[in-house]
Protein backbone atom coordinates (compact mmCIF):
# COMPACT_ATOMS: atom_id res chain seq x y z
CA UNK A 1 12.68 -0.23 -121.88
CA UNK A 2 10.06 -0.21 -119.13
CA UNK A 3 7.38 2.46 -119.18
CA UNK A 4 6.18 3.56 -115.77
CA UNK A 5 3.30 5.74 -116.84
CA UNK A 6 -0.35 5.18 -117.54
CA UNK A 7 -2.11 8.08 -119.20
CA UNK A 8 -5.63 9.09 -120.17
CA UNK A 9 -7.34 11.67 -122.33
CA UNK A 10 -9.22 14.13 -120.11
CA UNK A 11 -10.03 16.83 -122.66
CA UNK A 12 -10.53 17.14 -126.44
CA UNK A 13 -10.56 20.53 -128.15
CA UNK A 14 -10.69 22.11 -131.60
CA UNK A 15 -11.69 25.32 -133.33
CA UNK A 16 -12.34 26.04 -137.01
CA UNK A 17 -10.44 29.37 -137.10
CA UNK A 18 -7.80 31.39 -135.29
CA UNK A 19 -9.05 33.62 -132.47
CA UNK A 20 -12.27 31.61 -131.99
CA UNK A 21 -12.67 29.83 -128.65
CA UNK A 22 -11.74 26.17 -128.53
CA UNK A 23 -14.76 23.88 -128.29
CA UNK A 24 -14.64 20.89 -125.98
CA UNK A 25 -15.74 17.62 -127.54
CA UNK A 26 -16.29 14.03 -126.43
CA UNK A 27 -14.44 12.74 -129.48
CA UNK A 28 -12.27 13.97 -132.36
CA UNK A 29 -12.03 12.50 -135.86
CA UNK A 30 -8.39 12.24 -136.92
CA UNK A 31 -7.21 12.10 -140.52
CA UNK A 32 -3.80 10.42 -140.92
CA UNK A 33 -1.26 12.77 -142.46
CA UNK A 34 -3.65 15.76 -142.29
CA UNK A 35 -4.98 16.58 -138.83
CA UNK A 36 -8.28 16.86 -137.00
CA UNK A 37 -11.48 17.13 -139.03
CA UNK A 38 -12.83 20.64 -138.48
CA UNK A 39 -9.73 22.04 -136.76
CA UNK A 40 -7.92 25.20 -137.86
CA UNK A 41 -4.62 23.42 -138.55
CA UNK A 42 -5.92 20.49 -140.61
CA UNK A 43 -3.53 20.45 -143.58
CA UNK A 44 -5.23 21.65 -146.73
CA UNK A 45 -7.67 23.99 -144.97
CA UNK A 46 -5.41 25.92 -142.59
CA UNK A 47 -7.08 28.87 -140.87
CA UNK A 48 -4.96 29.10 -137.72
CA UNK A 49 -2.70 31.85 -136.40
CA UNK A 50 0.40 29.97 -137.64
CA UNK A 51 -1.08 28.63 -140.89
CA UNK A 52 1.39 30.70 -142.92
CA UNK A 53 3.94 28.20 -141.56
CA UNK A 54 2.33 24.82 -142.38
CA UNK A 55 3.98 21.93 -140.60
CA UNK A 56 3.07 18.27 -140.96
CA UNK A 57 4.44 17.68 -137.47
CA UNK A 58 1.68 19.86 -135.99
CA UNK A 59 -1.32 17.80 -137.07
CA UNK A 60 -2.43 17.41 -133.46
CA UNK A 61 -1.18 18.87 -130.18
CA UNK A 62 -1.17 17.46 -126.64
CA UNK A 63 -0.98 19.24 -123.26
CA UNK A 64 -0.55 17.91 -119.72
CA UNK A 65 -3.26 18.64 -117.14
CA UNK A 66 -0.45 18.55 -114.59
CA UNK A 67 0.87 21.77 -116.16
CA UNK A 68 -2.47 23.46 -115.57
CA UNK A 69 -2.21 22.38 -111.92
CA UNK A 70 1.35 23.75 -111.67
CA UNK A 71 0.47 27.10 -113.27
CA UNK A 72 -2.35 27.57 -110.79
CA UNK A 73 -0.17 26.51 -107.84
CA UNK A 74 2.97 28.46 -108.82
CA UNK A 75 1.54 31.54 -110.56
CA UNK A 76 -2.02 31.71 -109.18
CA UNK A 77 -3.35 31.70 -112.77
CA UNK A 78 -6.37 29.50 -113.43
CA UNK A 79 -6.57 27.97 -116.90
CA UNK A 80 -9.30 25.65 -118.12
CA UNK A 81 -8.23 22.75 -120.39
CA UNK A 82 -9.51 24.52 -123.51
CA UNK A 83 -7.51 27.66 -122.61
CA UNK A 84 -4.12 26.19 -123.53
CA UNK A 85 -5.27 26.01 -127.20
CA UNK A 86 -3.94 22.47 -127.71
CA UNK A 87 -6.16 19.66 -128.97
CA UNK A 88 -5.77 16.93 -126.35
CA UNK A 89 -5.44 17.36 -122.60
CA UNK A 90 -3.75 14.40 -120.92
CA UNK A 91 -3.22 13.19 -117.40
CA UNK A 92 -0.46 10.80 -116.38
CA UNK A 93 1.68 11.15 -119.53
CA UNK A 94 5.21 12.63 -119.49
CA UNK A 95 4.83 14.46 -122.81
CA UNK A 96 8.34 15.98 -122.79
CA UNK A 97 9.80 12.46 -122.80
CA UNK A 98 7.89 11.43 -125.93
CA UNK A 99 9.67 13.64 -128.50
CA UNK A 100 10.65 11.46 -131.50
CA UNK A 101 8.69 8.53 -130.07
CA UNK A 102 5.46 6.88 -131.14
CA UNK A 103 2.44 6.29 -128.92
CA UNK A 104 -1.19 5.29 -129.15
CA UNK A 105 -4.35 7.01 -128.02
CA UNK A 106 -7.07 4.41 -128.33
CA UNK A 107 -6.35 2.82 -131.72
CA UNK A 108 -4.79 5.94 -133.28
CA UNK A 109 -0.99 6.09 -133.65
CA UNK A 110 1.06 9.27 -133.26
CA UNK A 111 4.67 10.30 -133.74
CA UNK A 112 5.81 13.12 -131.47
CA UNK A 113 7.79 15.60 -133.59
CA UNK A 114 8.75 18.34 -131.13
CA UNK A 115 7.77 20.20 -128.01
CA UNK A 116 5.27 22.95 -128.58
CA UNK A 117 6.40 26.51 -127.95
CA UNK A 118 4.15 29.11 -126.33
CA UNK A 119 3.49 32.41 -128.05
CA UNK A 120 2.34 35.83 -126.93
CA UNK A 121 -0.80 35.31 -129.04
CA UNK A 122 -2.23 33.12 -126.27
CA UNK A 123 -1.98 36.05 -123.84
CA UNK A 124 -4.00 38.20 -126.27
CA UNK A 125 -6.73 35.58 -126.45
CA UNK A 126 -6.88 34.75 -122.73
CA UNK A 127 -6.04 38.14 -121.27
CA UNK A 128 -3.78 36.36 -118.76
CA UNK A 129 0.04 36.44 -118.40
CA UNK A 130 0.56 32.75 -119.28
CA UNK A 131 3.50 32.98 -121.72
CA UNK A 132 6.31 32.66 -119.15
CA UNK A 133 4.57 29.96 -117.08
CA UNK A 134 4.15 27.88 -120.26
CA UNK A 135 7.82 28.03 -121.36
CA UNK A 136 9.25 24.47 -121.56
CA UNK A 137 5.86 22.96 -120.73
CA UNK A 138 3.65 24.06 -123.55
CA UNK A 139 2.71 20.66 -124.93
CA UNK A 140 3.70 18.30 -127.69
CA UNK A 141 3.27 18.49 -131.47
CA UNK A 142 2.60 15.25 -133.34
CA UNK A 143 1.95 13.63 -136.70
CA UNK A 144 -1.08 11.37 -137.03
CA UNK A 145 0.19 8.06 -138.44
CA UNK A 146 -3.02 6.04 -138.03
CA UNK A 147 -6.24 8.04 -137.91
CA UNK A 148 -9.66 7.24 -136.54
CA UNK A 149 -11.60 8.56 -133.58
CA UNK A 150 -10.20 9.38 -130.16
CA UNK A 151 -12.47 9.82 -127.18
CA UNK A 152 -12.46 11.18 -123.65
CA UNK A 153 -10.96 8.66 -121.24
CA UNK A 154 -9.05 6.81 -124.00
CA UNK A 155 -5.86 5.21 -122.74
CA UNK A 156 -2.53 6.68 -123.86
CA UNK A 157 0.26 4.13 -124.16
CA UNK A 158 3.68 3.70 -125.79
CA UNK A 159 3.85 2.08 -129.22
């Protein structure tokens, strides 16, 4: 199978608790089988909005910058990369195609478990009507198979 995409990390985000703003970082420390050090959904310390539903397939989440562009173009709603509340903002990666596939970011290995689903909670936090524009393009949930550090500008490639 030939892969015709070449992706990069353009944003890294985390927050220690639900409802707090996402911080933008230059790098994230990933713990295989657990999540992101210091993030609200790191298994074993969950403090996120959906922590009552722990899921090992939601250790890290990805979101396409192209979706931010489309939401602004089609709905006239401006969202910053940290507004989508996912951990990694990508450019040049067809995230919807990666479900049930493995891929690398830098030296870290991920397994895409399912597409992320938007929730009305994001509208409460942002004060913007983004739920409908995010349906079917709300990102990708993944397991961390090989941890380490990922950084801005890291290459994203198929396993």
